N, C-alpha and C. Protein backbone atom coordinates (compact mmCIF):
# COMPACT_ATOMS: atom_id res chain seq x y z
N MET A 1 0.93 -1.11 0.03
CA MET A 1 -0.12 0.03 0.03
C MET A 1 0.99 1.28 -0.08
N ASN A 2 0.20 2.38 0.01
CA ASN A 2 0.87 3.60 0.02
C ASN A 2 1.73 4.03 1.17
N THR A 3 3.08 3.80 1.24
CA THR A 3 3.85 4.06 2.37
C THR A 3 3.69 5.21 3.23
N THR A 4 3.32 6.49 2.70
CA THR A 4 3.22 7.63 3.29
C THR A 4 1.53 7.61 4.16
N LEU A 5 0.57 7.00 3.65
CA LEU A 5 -0.70 6.95 4.20
C LEU A 5 -0.45 6.02 5.24
N TRP A 6 0.38 4.80 4.95
CA TRP A 6 0.44 3.91 6.09
C TRP A 6 1.08 4.51 7.14
N LEU A 7 2.26 5.26 6.95
CA LEU A 7 2.96 5.86 8.26
C LEU A 7 1.91 6.88 8.92
N SER A 8 1.05 7.64 8.07
CA SER A 8 0.15 8.37 8.80
C SER A 8 -0.87 7.73 9.63
N PHE A 9 -1.31 6.66 9.08
CA PHE A 9 -2.20 5.90 9.70
C PHE A 9 -1.47 5.21 11.16
N ALA A 10 -0.55 4.81 11.15
CA ALA A 10 0.23 4.32 12.28
C ALA A 10 0.40 5.26 13.21
N ALA A 11 0.84 6.63 12.94
CA ALA A 11 1.23 7.70 13.71
C ALA A 11 -0.16 8.19 14.46
N THR A 12 -1.18 8.03 13.62
CA THR A 12 -2.31 8.83 14.17
C THR A 12 -3.18 7.75 15.08
N PHE A 13 -3.20 6.49 14.66
CA PHE A 13 -3.74 5.55 15.68
C PHE A 13 -3.06 5.42 16.86
N ALA A 14 -1.71 5.54 16.80
CA ALA A 14 -0.71 5.28 18.01
C ALA A 14 -1.19 6.53 18.89
N ILE A 15 -1.56 7.68 18.61
CA ILE A 15 -2.03 8.63 19.48
C ILE A 15 -3.21 8.31 20.09
N LEU A 16 -4.16 7.66 19.26
CA LEU A 16 -5.56 7.30 19.77
C LEU A 16 -5.28 6.04 20.84
N ALA A 17 -4.34 5.18 20.60
CA ALA A 17 -4.13 3.88 21.28
C ALA A 17 -3.65 4.14 22.67
N VAL A 18 -2.75 5.12 22.83
CA VAL A 18 -2.01 5.47 24.18
C VAL A 18 -3.04 6.28 24.99
N THR A 19 -4.33 6.58 24.64
CA THR A 19 -5.40 7.14 25.56
C THR A 19 -5.99 6.12 26.30
N PRO A 20 -5.83 6.34 27.64
CA PRO A 20 -6.48 5.27 28.48
C PRO A 20 -8.08 5.25 28.10
N GLY A 21 -8.65 4.20 27.70
CA GLY A 21 -9.80 3.83 27.66
C GLY A 21 -10.32 2.69 28.55
N PRO A 22 -11.80 2.33 28.17
CA PRO A 22 -12.32 1.28 29.00
C PRO A 22 -11.49 0.03 28.83
N SER A 23 -10.94 -0.44 27.86
CA SER A 23 -10.13 -1.60 27.55
C SER A 23 -8.98 -1.55 28.35
N VAL A 24 -8.35 -0.29 28.07
CA VAL A 24 -6.92 -0.27 28.83
C VAL A 24 -7.15 -0.33 30.60
N LEU A 25 -8.18 0.34 30.80
CA LEU A 25 -8.56 0.21 32.40
C LEU A 25 -8.99 -1.14 32.79
N LEU A 26 -9.50 -1.78 32.03
CA LEU A 26 -9.97 -3.30 32.47
C LEU A 26 -8.65 -4.06 32.55
N ALA A 27 -7.77 -3.96 31.43
CA ALA A 27 -6.68 -4.79 31.51
C ALA A 27 -5.70 -4.37 32.69
N THR A 28 -5.64 -3.29 32.81
CA THR A 28 -4.88 -2.43 34.08
C THR A 28 -5.34 -2.94 35.38
N ALA A 29 -6.71 -3.03 35.56
CA ALA A 29 -7.27 -3.50 36.72
C ALA A 29 -7.02 -4.96 37.05
N ASN A 30 -7.22 -5.97 35.75
CA ASN A 30 -6.87 -7.29 35.81
C ASN A 30 -5.44 -7.52 36.15
N SER A 31 -4.47 -6.72 35.72
CA SER A 31 -3.20 -6.80 35.87
C SER A 31 -2.91 -6.71 37.39
N MET A 32 -3.62 -5.72 38.03
CA MET A 32 -3.07 -5.36 39.61
C MET A 32 -3.76 -6.59 40.33
N ASN A 33 -4.90 -7.14 39.77
CA ASN A 33 -5.63 -7.90 40.60
C ASN A 33 -5.11 -9.17 40.67
N HIS A 34 -4.75 -9.62 39.37
CA HIS A 34 -4.35 -11.11 38.97
C HIS A 34 -2.86 -11.25 38.43
N GLY A 35 -2.23 -10.34 38.17
CA GLY A 35 -0.98 -10.19 37.59
C GLY A 35 -0.95 -9.96 36.25
N SER A 36 0.24 -9.44 35.81
CA SER A 36 0.45 -9.07 34.29
C SER A 36 0.27 -10.26 33.38
N ARG A 37 0.70 -11.38 33.53
CA ARG A 37 0.51 -12.77 32.52
C ARG A 37 -0.90 -13.09 32.81
N LYS A 38 -1.72 -13.16 33.55
CA LYS A 38 -3.17 -13.28 33.47
C LYS A 38 -3.72 -12.26 32.66
N ALA A 39 -3.43 -11.13 32.83
CA ALA A 39 -3.95 -10.12 32.25
C ALA A 39 -3.97 -10.08 30.60
N VAL A 40 -2.83 -10.69 30.23
CA VAL A 40 -2.61 -11.04 28.61
C VAL A 40 -3.74 -11.69 27.88
N ALA A 41 -4.67 -12.38 28.79
CA ALA A 41 -5.98 -13.12 28.49
C ALA A 41 -6.93 -11.96 28.04
N THR A 42 -6.98 -11.06 28.98
CA THR A 42 -7.90 -9.85 28.57
C THR A 42 -7.66 -9.21 27.47
N ILE A 43 -6.34 -9.11 27.28
CA ILE A 43 -5.66 -8.25 26.03
C ILE A 43 -6.17 -9.23 24.76
N LEU A 44 -5.98 -10.43 24.79
CA LEU A 44 -6.20 -11.39 23.69
C LEU A 44 -7.85 -11.20 23.23
N GLY A 45 -8.47 -11.21 24.47
CA GLY A 45 -10.20 -11.00 24.28
C GLY A 45 -10.41 -9.52 23.55
N ASP A 46 -9.94 -8.63 23.93
CA ASP A 46 -9.99 -7.28 23.31
C ASP A 46 -9.59 -7.40 21.80
N LEU A 47 -8.34 -7.86 21.64
CA LEU A 47 -8.12 -8.04 20.03
C LEU A 47 -8.90 -8.86 19.15
N SER A 48 -9.37 -10.00 19.91
CA SER A 48 -10.26 -10.76 19.12
C SER A 48 -11.47 -10.13 18.57
N ALA A 49 -12.02 -9.23 19.63
CA ALA A 49 -13.26 -8.47 19.13
C ALA A 49 -12.83 -7.59 18.17
N ASN A 50 -11.48 -6.86 18.57
CA ASN A 50 -11.52 -5.71 17.39
C ASN A 50 -11.14 -6.48 16.04
N THR A 51 -10.60 -7.54 15.80
CA THR A 51 -10.54 -8.19 14.45
C THR A 51 -11.86 -8.58 14.03
N LEU A 52 -12.93 -8.99 14.79
CA LEU A 52 -14.42 -9.23 14.21
C LEU A 52 -14.84 -7.96 13.60
N GLN A 53 -14.49 -6.65 14.46
CA GLN A 53 -14.90 -5.48 14.20
C GLN A 53 -14.42 -4.84 12.97
N ILE A 54 -13.23 -5.27 12.66
CA ILE A 54 -12.56 -4.60 11.60
C ILE A 54 -12.95 -5.33 10.27
N LEU A 55 -13.25 -6.59 10.48
CA LEU A 55 -13.78 -7.22 9.47
C LEU A 55 -15.10 -6.94 9.00
N LEU A 56 -15.98 -6.78 9.87
CA LEU A 56 -17.40 -6.23 9.65
C LEU A 56 -17.24 -5.01 9.07
N ALA A 57 -16.61 -3.82 9.46
CA ALA A 57 -16.41 -2.76 8.88
C ALA A 57 -15.78 -2.91 7.48
N SER A 58 -14.74 -3.73 7.34
CA SER A 58 -13.94 -3.71 6.14
C SER A 58 -15.16 -4.09 4.83
N LEU A 59 -15.96 -5.39 5.40
CA LEU A 59 -16.86 -5.70 4.35
C LEU A 59 -17.86 -4.63 4.01
N GLY A 60 -18.20 -3.95 4.73
CA GLY A 60 -19.06 -2.90 4.34
C GLY A 60 -18.45 -1.79 3.44
N LEU A 61 -17.06 -1.66 3.69
CA LEU A 61 -16.24 -0.52 3.08
C LEU A 61 -15.89 -1.10 1.59
N ALA A 62 -15.83 -2.54 1.62
CA ALA A 62 -15.51 -3.22 0.23
C ALA A 62 -16.88 -2.82 -0.62
N THR A 63 -18.05 -3.05 -0.13
CA THR A 63 -19.04 -2.89 -1.03
C THR A 63 -19.25 -1.46 -1.37
N ILE A 64 -19.00 -0.36 -0.51
CA ILE A 64 -19.01 1.03 -0.78
C ILE A 64 -17.95 1.32 -1.89
N ILE A 65 -16.70 0.76 -1.82
CA ILE A 65 -15.77 1.52 -2.81
C ILE A 65 -15.89 0.79 -4.22
N THR A 66 -16.82 -0.21 -4.13
CA THR A 66 -16.96 -0.99 -5.68
C THR A 66 -18.12 -0.28 -6.16
N THR A 67 -18.93 0.14 -5.54
CA THR A 67 -20.29 0.80 -5.94
C THR A 67 -20.15 2.34 -6.35
N SER A 68 -19.50 2.99 -5.21
CA SER A 68 -19.58 4.75 -5.45
C SER A 68 -18.49 5.21 -4.96
N ALA A 69 -17.66 5.92 -5.81
CA ALA A 69 -16.72 6.62 -5.30
C ALA A 69 -16.88 7.59 -4.72
N SER A 70 -18.35 8.32 -4.92
CA SER A 70 -18.44 9.61 -4.14
C SER A 70 -19.00 9.48 -2.83
N VAL A 71 -19.75 8.39 -2.62
CA VAL A 71 -19.90 7.86 -1.27
C VAL A 71 -18.74 7.54 -0.28
N PHE A 72 -17.65 6.81 -1.11
CA PHE A 72 -16.50 6.55 -0.42
C PHE A 72 -15.78 7.85 0.16
N ASN A 73 -15.75 8.81 -0.79
CA ASN A 73 -15.07 9.93 -0.43
C ASN A 73 -15.93 10.87 0.64
N ALA A 74 -17.11 10.51 0.69
CA ALA A 74 -17.91 11.29 1.76
C ALA A 74 -17.62 10.83 3.13
N ILE A 75 -17.45 9.38 3.13
CA ILE A 75 -17.09 8.73 4.36
C ILE A 75 -15.59 9.23 5.02
N LYS A 76 -14.83 9.56 3.79
CA LYS A 76 -13.49 9.95 4.47
C LYS A 76 -13.72 11.15 5.04
N TRP A 77 -14.70 12.05 4.48
CA TRP A 77 -14.65 13.56 5.31
C TRP A 77 -15.43 13.21 6.59
N VAL A 78 -16.32 12.33 6.63
CA VAL A 78 -16.87 11.96 8.05
C VAL A 78 -15.75 11.57 8.83
N GLY A 79 -14.71 10.96 8.35
CA GLY A 79 -13.87 10.27 9.09
C GLY A 79 -12.79 11.53 9.64
N VAL A 80 -12.58 12.36 8.85
CA VAL A 80 -11.74 13.59 9.22
C VAL A 80 -12.51 14.32 10.36
N ALA A 81 -13.92 14.48 10.09
CA ALA A 81 -14.65 15.34 11.16
C ALA A 81 -14.65 14.49 12.37
N TYR A 82 -14.65 12.99 12.43
CA TYR A 82 -14.68 12.37 13.56
C TYR A 82 -13.49 12.54 14.32
N LEU A 83 -12.25 12.54 13.64
CA LEU A 83 -11.16 12.68 14.37
C LEU A 83 -10.91 13.89 15.10
N ILE A 84 -11.46 15.16 14.36
CA ILE A 84 -11.43 16.55 14.82
C ILE A 84 -12.42 16.48 16.17
N TYR A 85 -13.64 15.69 16.08
CA TYR A 85 -14.63 15.84 17.14
C TYR A 85 -13.96 14.84 18.32
N LEU A 86 -13.20 13.93 18.12
CA LEU A 86 -12.56 13.27 19.23
C LEU A 86 -11.44 14.21 19.82
N GLY A 87 -10.77 14.95 19.01
CA GLY A 87 -9.59 15.66 19.62
C GLY A 87 -10.42 16.93 20.67
N ILE A 88 -11.58 17.39 20.03
CA ILE A 88 -12.24 18.45 20.91
C ILE A 88 -12.91 17.72 22.06
N SER A 89 -13.33 16.49 21.90
CA SER A 89 -13.89 16.01 23.19
C SER A 89 -12.85 15.88 24.10
N LYS A 90 -11.58 15.33 23.79
CA LYS A 90 -10.41 15.28 24.62
C LYS A 90 -10.10 16.71 25.23
N LEU A 91 -9.99 17.70 24.41
CA LEU A 91 -9.53 18.98 25.01
C LEU A 91 -10.69 19.45 26.24
N LEU A 92 -11.95 19.07 25.79
CA LEU A 92 -13.11 19.55 26.78
C LEU A 92 -13.30 18.65 28.09
N SER A 93 -12.70 17.65 28.06
CA SER A 93 -12.91 16.52 29.04
C SER A 93 -11.98 16.66 30.22
N LYS A 94 -12.79 16.18 31.30
CA LYS A 94 -12.10 16.59 32.77
C LYS A 94 -11.69 15.00 33.34
N ALA A 95 -10.51 15.36 34.18
CA ALA A 95 -9.90 13.97 34.69
C ALA A 95 -10.96 13.24 35.61
N GLY A 96 -10.95 12.05 35.57
CA GLY A 96 -11.78 11.27 36.47
C GLY A 96 -11.22 9.89 36.42
N THR A 97 -11.17 9.08 37.47
CA THR A 97 -10.59 7.93 37.60
C THR A 97 -11.70 6.90 37.89
N ASN A 98 -11.83 5.89 36.71
CA ASN A 98 -12.72 4.84 36.73
C ASN A 98 -12.24 3.71 37.63
N ASN A 99 -13.07 3.46 38.75
CA ASN A 99 -12.71 2.22 39.75
C ASN A 99 -13.08 1.04 39.14
N LEU A 100 -12.15 0.32 38.63
CA LEU A 100 -12.45 -0.89 38.06
C LEU A 100 -11.64 -2.17 38.84
N LEU A 101 -11.27 -1.67 40.04
CA LEU A 101 -10.46 -2.65 40.89
C LEU A 101 -11.64 -3.46 41.70
N GLU A 102 -11.36 -4.56 41.71
CA GLU A 102 -12.31 -5.44 42.69
C GLU A 102 -11.61 -6.48 43.51
N GLY A 103 -12.37 -7.16 44.32
CA GLY A 103 -11.66 -8.20 45.17
C GLY A 103 -10.78 -9.07 44.32
N LYS A 104 -9.54 -9.56 44.98
CA LYS A 104 -8.80 -10.37 44.11
C LYS A 104 -8.93 -11.76 44.05
N ARG A 105 -10.26 -12.06 43.42
CA ARG A 105 -10.79 -13.40 43.30
C ARG A 105 -10.09 -14.05 42.08
N GLU A 106 -9.65 -15.25 42.34
CA GLU A 106 -8.99 -15.80 41.19
C GLU A 106 -9.82 -15.98 39.99
N LYS A 107 -9.52 -15.72 38.73
CA LYS A 107 -10.36 -15.76 37.68
C LYS A 107 -9.41 -16.71 36.54
N THR A 108 -10.08 -17.61 36.10
CA THR A 108 -9.66 -18.19 34.91
C THR A 108 -9.14 -17.61 33.62
N PHE A 109 -8.55 -18.23 32.75
CA PHE A 109 -8.08 -17.51 31.60
C PHE A 109 -9.23 -17.28 30.63
N PHE A 110 -10.22 -18.20 30.64
CA PHE A 110 -11.40 -18.02 29.94
C PHE A 110 -12.21 -16.81 30.34
N LYS A 111 -12.36 -16.59 31.74
CA LYS A 111 -13.08 -15.51 32.34
C LYS A 111 -12.24 -14.27 31.89
N LEU A 112 -11.16 -14.19 32.07
CA LEU A 112 -10.43 -12.88 31.68
C LEU A 112 -10.36 -12.66 30.23
N TYR A 113 -10.39 -13.70 29.50
CA TYR A 113 -10.58 -13.40 27.96
C TYR A 113 -11.91 -13.04 27.68
N SER A 114 -12.76 -13.45 28.20
CA SER A 114 -14.43 -13.10 28.02
C SER A 114 -14.63 -11.69 28.47
N GLU A 115 -14.08 -11.33 29.44
CA GLU A 115 -14.21 -9.95 29.94
C GLU A 115 -13.69 -8.93 28.79
N GLY A 116 -12.27 -9.21 28.56
CA GLY A 116 -11.94 -8.51 27.31
C GLY A 116 -12.62 -8.35 26.04
N PHE A 117 -13.25 -9.66 25.78
CA PHE A 117 -13.90 -9.67 24.33
C PHE A 117 -15.25 -8.75 24.63
N LEU A 118 -15.88 -9.04 25.66
CA LEU A 118 -16.99 -8.55 25.71
C LEU A 118 -16.94 -6.84 25.93
N MET A 119 -15.85 -6.41 26.76
CA MET A 119 -15.69 -5.17 26.94
C MET A 119 -15.59 -4.26 25.41
N SER A 120 -14.73 -4.84 24.60
CA SER A 120 -14.73 -4.38 23.27
C SER A 120 -15.67 -4.68 22.32
N ALA A 121 -16.37 -5.85 22.49
CA ALA A 121 -17.50 -6.21 21.40
C ALA A 121 -18.68 -5.48 21.69
N SER A 122 -18.76 -5.08 22.99
CA SER A 122 -20.05 -4.52 23.36
C SER A 122 -20.10 -2.94 23.01
N ASN A 123 -19.12 -2.51 22.33
CA ASN A 123 -18.97 -0.96 21.96
C ASN A 123 -19.20 -0.82 20.66
N PRO A 124 -20.57 -0.57 20.10
CA PRO A 124 -20.95 -0.56 18.70
C PRO A 124 -20.07 0.67 18.02
N LYS A 125 -19.58 1.76 18.76
CA LYS A 125 -19.02 2.63 18.23
C LYS A 125 -17.70 2.27 17.59
N ALA A 126 -17.11 1.21 18.07
CA ALA A 126 -15.68 0.72 17.41
C ALA A 126 -15.87 0.71 16.08
N ILE A 127 -17.20 -0.14 15.60
CA ILE A 127 -17.36 -0.47 14.15
C ILE A 127 -17.39 0.72 13.34
N VAL A 128 -18.13 1.82 13.84
CA VAL A 128 -18.26 3.08 13.25
C VAL A 128 -17.08 3.77 13.03
N PHE A 129 -16.20 3.65 14.29
CA PHE A 129 -14.94 4.41 14.27
C PHE A 129 -14.14 3.63 13.04
N ILE A 130 -14.03 2.35 13.08
CA ILE A 130 -12.96 1.88 12.01
C ILE A 130 -13.69 2.12 10.58
N ALA A 131 -15.13 2.06 10.48
CA ALA A 131 -15.64 2.41 9.03
C ALA A 131 -15.36 3.87 8.41
N ALA A 132 -15.20 4.69 9.60
CA ALA A 132 -15.06 6.25 9.30
C ALA A 132 -13.32 6.48 9.18
N PHE A 133 -12.52 5.72 10.02
CA PHE A 133 -11.15 5.90 10.29
C PHE A 133 -10.31 5.25 8.87
N PHE A 134 -10.62 4.17 8.84
CA PHE A 134 -9.95 3.32 7.56
C PHE A 134 -9.88 4.04 6.19
N PRO A 135 -11.09 4.63 5.74
CA PRO A 135 -11.12 5.31 4.64
C PRO A 135 -10.11 6.36 4.19
N LEU A 136 -9.79 7.01 5.38
CA LEU A 136 -8.76 8.32 5.45
C LEU A 136 -7.53 7.64 4.73
N PHE A 137 -7.30 6.44 4.98
CA PHE A 137 -5.87 5.93 4.50
C PHE A 137 -5.87 5.09 3.42
N ILE A 138 -6.98 4.70 2.74
CA ILE A 138 -7.05 3.95 1.58
C ILE A 138 -6.88 4.83 0.55
N ASP A 139 -5.84 4.20 -0.58
CA ASP A 139 -5.53 4.64 -1.85
C ASP A 139 -6.48 4.19 -2.80
N GLN A 140 -7.50 4.86 -3.40
CA GLN A 140 -8.42 4.37 -4.40
C GLN A 140 -7.75 3.76 -5.56
N GLY A 141 -6.41 4.10 -5.77
CA GLY A 141 -5.88 3.60 -7.20
C GLY A 141 -5.08 2.37 -6.96
N LEU A 142 -5.09 1.88 -5.66
CA LEU A 142 -4.62 0.46 -5.31
C LEU A 142 -5.56 -0.46 -4.84
N PRO A 143 -5.27 -1.74 -5.07
CA PRO A 143 -6.21 -2.79 -4.56
C PRO A 143 -6.77 -2.52 -3.00
N PHE A 144 -8.07 -2.90 -2.96
CA PHE A 144 -8.53 -2.65 -1.56
C PHE A 144 -8.09 -3.59 -0.54
N ALA A 145 -8.33 -4.70 -0.95
CA ALA A 145 -8.08 -5.92 0.31
C ALA A 145 -6.75 -5.78 0.85
N PRO A 146 -5.58 -5.76 0.08
CA PRO A 146 -4.04 -5.77 0.69
C PRO A 146 -4.04 -4.66 1.78
N GLN A 147 -4.75 -3.32 1.14
CA GLN A 147 -4.62 -2.35 2.17
C GLN A 147 -5.29 -2.39 3.47
N VAL A 148 -6.47 -2.98 3.24
CA VAL A 148 -7.13 -2.99 4.53
C VAL A 148 -6.59 -4.11 5.50
N ILE A 149 -6.25 -5.17 5.00
CA ILE A 149 -5.35 -6.36 5.74
C ILE A 149 -4.06 -5.52 6.35
N ALA A 150 -3.32 -4.64 5.64
CA ALA A 150 -2.20 -4.01 6.19
C ALA A 150 -2.55 -2.90 7.28
N LEU A 151 -3.69 -2.11 7.15
CA LEU A 151 -4.35 -1.41 8.15
C LEU A 151 -4.67 -2.25 9.40
N GLY A 152 -5.45 -3.26 9.10
CA GLY A 152 -6.12 -4.08 10.13
C GLY A 152 -4.78 -4.53 11.12
N LEU A 153 -3.86 -5.03 10.28
CA LEU A 153 -2.59 -5.74 11.11
C LEU A 153 -1.89 -4.77 12.05
N THR A 154 -1.88 -3.60 11.29
CA THR A 154 -1.14 -2.24 12.09
C THR A 154 -1.92 -2.15 13.15
N TYR A 155 -3.34 -1.97 13.00
CA TYR A 155 -4.23 -1.30 14.12
C TYR A 155 -4.07 -2.59 15.29
N LEU A 156 -3.97 -3.91 15.22
CA LEU A 156 -3.97 -4.87 16.15
C LEU A 156 -2.72 -4.83 16.90
N VAL A 157 -1.56 -4.49 16.03
CA VAL A 157 -0.29 -4.57 16.73
C VAL A 157 -0.13 -3.45 17.54
N ILE A 158 -0.60 -2.18 17.07
CA ILE A 158 -0.37 -0.98 17.80
C ILE A 158 -1.01 -1.24 19.12
N ASP A 159 -2.50 -1.66 19.05
CA ASP A 159 -3.30 -1.68 20.19
C ASP A 159 -2.78 -2.64 21.12
N GLY A 160 -2.25 -3.66 20.78
CA GLY A 160 -1.70 -4.97 21.48
C GLY A 160 -0.39 -4.34 22.48
N ILE A 161 0.39 -3.67 21.59
CA ILE A 161 1.61 -3.12 22.10
C ILE A 161 1.27 -2.21 23.35
N CYS A 162 0.35 -1.43 23.00
CA CYS A 162 -0.06 -0.30 24.12
C CYS A 162 -0.62 -0.85 25.21
N LEU A 163 -1.53 -1.80 25.08
CA LEU A 163 -2.23 -2.68 26.06
C LEU A 163 -1.32 -3.35 26.86
N LEU A 164 -0.23 -4.10 26.28
CA LEU A 164 0.87 -4.78 26.92
C LEU A 164 1.73 -3.79 27.84
N THR A 165 1.94 -2.60 27.26
CA THR A 165 2.65 -1.60 28.21
C THR A 165 1.93 -1.11 29.32
N TYR A 166 0.62 -0.80 29.07
CA TYR A 166 -0.10 -0.58 30.32
C TYR A 166 -0.08 -1.45 31.45
N VAL A 167 -0.41 -2.69 31.00
CA VAL A 167 -0.53 -3.86 31.84
C VAL A 167 0.90 -3.95 32.71
N HIS A 168 2.21 -3.83 31.77
CA HIS A 168 3.27 -3.89 32.53
C HIS A 168 3.49 -2.84 33.78
N PHE A 169 3.05 -1.73 33.40
CA PHE A 169 3.16 -0.64 34.47
C PHE A 169 1.95 -0.29 35.01
N ALA A 170 1.22 -1.36 35.27
CA ALA A 170 -0.19 -1.34 35.86
C ALA A 170 -0.16 -0.50 37.36
N ASP A 171 0.68 -0.63 38.00
CA ASP A 171 0.84 0.08 39.31
C ASP A 171 1.09 1.51 39.21
N ARG A 172 2.05 2.06 38.09
CA ARG A 172 2.48 3.23 37.94
C ARG A 172 1.18 4.03 37.21
N LEU A 173 0.63 3.36 36.35
CA LEU A 173 -0.82 3.84 35.72
C LEU A 173 -1.88 4.40 36.81
N LYS A 174 -2.07 3.49 37.97
CA LYS A 174 -3.09 3.70 38.88
C LYS A 174 -2.70 4.96 39.41
N ARG A 175 -1.20 5.29 39.93
CA ARG A 175 -0.95 6.38 40.51
C ARG A 175 -0.98 7.65 39.66
N TYR A 176 -0.73 7.41 38.35
CA TYR A 176 -0.91 8.40 37.34
C TYR A 176 -2.40 9.05 37.29
N LEU A 177 -3.30 7.89 36.98
CA LEU A 177 -4.54 8.30 36.64
C LEU A 177 -5.29 8.84 38.03
N GLU A 178 -4.88 8.72 39.09
CA GLU A 178 -5.18 9.53 40.44
C GLU A 178 -4.79 10.91 40.34
N ASN A 179 -3.77 11.33 39.70
CA ASN A 179 -3.31 12.58 39.39
C ASN A 179 -4.00 13.26 38.35
N HIS A 180 -4.95 14.21 38.76
CA HIS A 180 -5.86 14.76 37.92
C HIS A 180 -5.24 15.72 36.96
N GLU A 181 -4.24 16.65 37.42
CA GLU A 181 -3.51 17.55 36.81
C GLU A 181 -2.84 16.89 35.74
N LYS A 182 -1.97 15.54 35.75
CA LYS A 182 -1.40 14.84 34.52
C LYS A 182 -2.61 14.52 33.56
N VAL A 183 -3.53 14.05 34.07
CA VAL A 183 -4.42 13.32 33.17
C VAL A 183 -5.13 14.47 32.31
N ASN A 184 -5.37 15.63 32.86
CA ASN A 184 -5.92 16.95 32.19
C ASN A 184 -4.75 17.48 31.24
N LEU A 185 -3.45 17.36 31.42
CA LEU A 185 -2.40 17.73 30.70
C LEU A 185 -2.44 16.76 29.29
N GLN A 186 -2.51 15.50 29.56
CA GLN A 186 -2.67 14.55 28.67
C GLN A 186 -3.74 14.60 27.67
N ASN A 187 -4.78 14.98 28.24
CA ASN A 187 -6.15 15.23 27.52
C ASN A 187 -6.01 16.37 26.63
N LYS A 188 -5.18 17.24 26.98
CA LYS A 188 -5.05 18.59 26.18
C LYS A 188 -3.83 18.37 24.89
N ILE A 189 -2.95 17.39 25.32
CA ILE A 189 -1.90 17.25 24.34
C ILE A 189 -2.47 16.30 23.07
N ILE A 190 -3.12 15.29 23.66
CA ILE A 190 -3.68 14.15 22.73
C ILE A 190 -4.85 14.88 21.93
N GLY A 191 -5.68 15.51 22.69
CA GLY A 191 -6.90 16.33 21.94
C GLY A 191 -6.36 17.32 20.73
N SER A 192 -5.32 17.92 21.18
CA SER A 192 -4.68 18.77 20.00
C SER A 192 -3.97 18.18 19.13
N LEU A 193 -3.39 16.75 18.99
CA LEU A 193 -2.71 16.22 18.04
C LEU A 193 -4.11 15.56 17.36
N LEU A 194 -4.99 15.19 17.85
CA LEU A 194 -6.04 14.65 17.20
C LEU A 194 -6.69 15.64 16.08
N VAL A 195 -6.92 16.95 16.61
CA VAL A 195 -7.45 17.93 16.02
C VAL A 195 -6.43 18.21 14.68
N PHE A 196 -5.15 18.33 14.93
CA PHE A 196 -4.04 18.71 14.06
C PHE A 196 -4.28 17.47 12.91
N SER A 197 -4.20 16.16 13.37
CA SER A 197 -4.22 15.03 12.56
C SER A 197 -5.48 15.26 11.43
N GLY A 198 -6.57 15.27 11.93
CA GLY A 198 -7.64 15.46 11.11
C GLY A 198 -7.74 16.71 10.27
N MET A 199 -7.15 17.77 10.43
CA MET A 199 -6.91 18.90 9.68
C MET A 199 -6.07 18.69 8.76
N MET A 200 -4.85 17.83 9.06
CA MET A 200 -3.85 17.62 7.91
C MET A 200 -4.58 16.55 7.00
N LEU A 201 -5.14 15.50 7.30
CA LEU A 201 -5.81 14.78 6.59
C LEU A 201 -6.86 15.07 5.67
N SER A 202 -7.58 16.17 6.06
CA SER A 202 -8.44 16.83 5.29
C SER A 202 -7.82 17.54 3.89
N LEU A 203 -6.59 17.86 3.98
CA LEU A 203 -5.83 18.62 2.96
C LEU A 203 -5.27 17.52 2.01
N VAL A 204 -5.36 16.25 2.20
CA VAL A 204 -4.69 15.26 1.31
C VAL A 204 -5.78 15.03 0.15
N ASN A 205 -5.53 14.97 -0.97
CA ASN A 205 -6.39 14.87 -2.14
C ASN A 205 -6.01 13.51 -2.93
N ARG A 206 -7.07 12.32 -2.79
CA ARG A 206 -6.71 11.33 -3.09
C ARG A 206 -7.90 10.67 -3.92
N GLU A 207 -8.54 11.61 -4.96
CA GLU A 207 -9.51 11.01 -5.76
C GLU A 207 -9.06 10.28 -6.96
């Protein structure tokens, strides 16, 4: 696929992936309660759900790209708007710690895997996000399937690395999330980067 677009995708998604969300907090809580090794099951569950969401979103995009270039371009603009919306939401958000820690009851691999899978699969916004995000980095002059596979694998690898990193530093993350000033600063930085990414991508012409 287009190397420039791939690098832009990797950089933009990395900004999103490092932002602590529900899946990050769940994996972190399981790491603190059951150990980092067991928390890997939660990460695998999350990535499994992500894989299904990417597949479902990509099947829809494949239909669109083969039937209407104008609709496909419109979706790309929706993706740009969505990135800017995410950035503004981060800029306006306030710090708050979600308490996902619970008693240290032993859980099986399947239980931890299921928690990660359901946490990600139960979020319908993920499919909408993927459907709006991927088209920004698709070169319509190149075959569709190889590009989606490359983007999907990049998505999963970056997400997996970020989750593993958070799990590894679970105790430090807990103390970080309790510091509202640091969380607010992170929100401002990430929000600004997301808005900037959206604006830059809107200038790219790939008709």
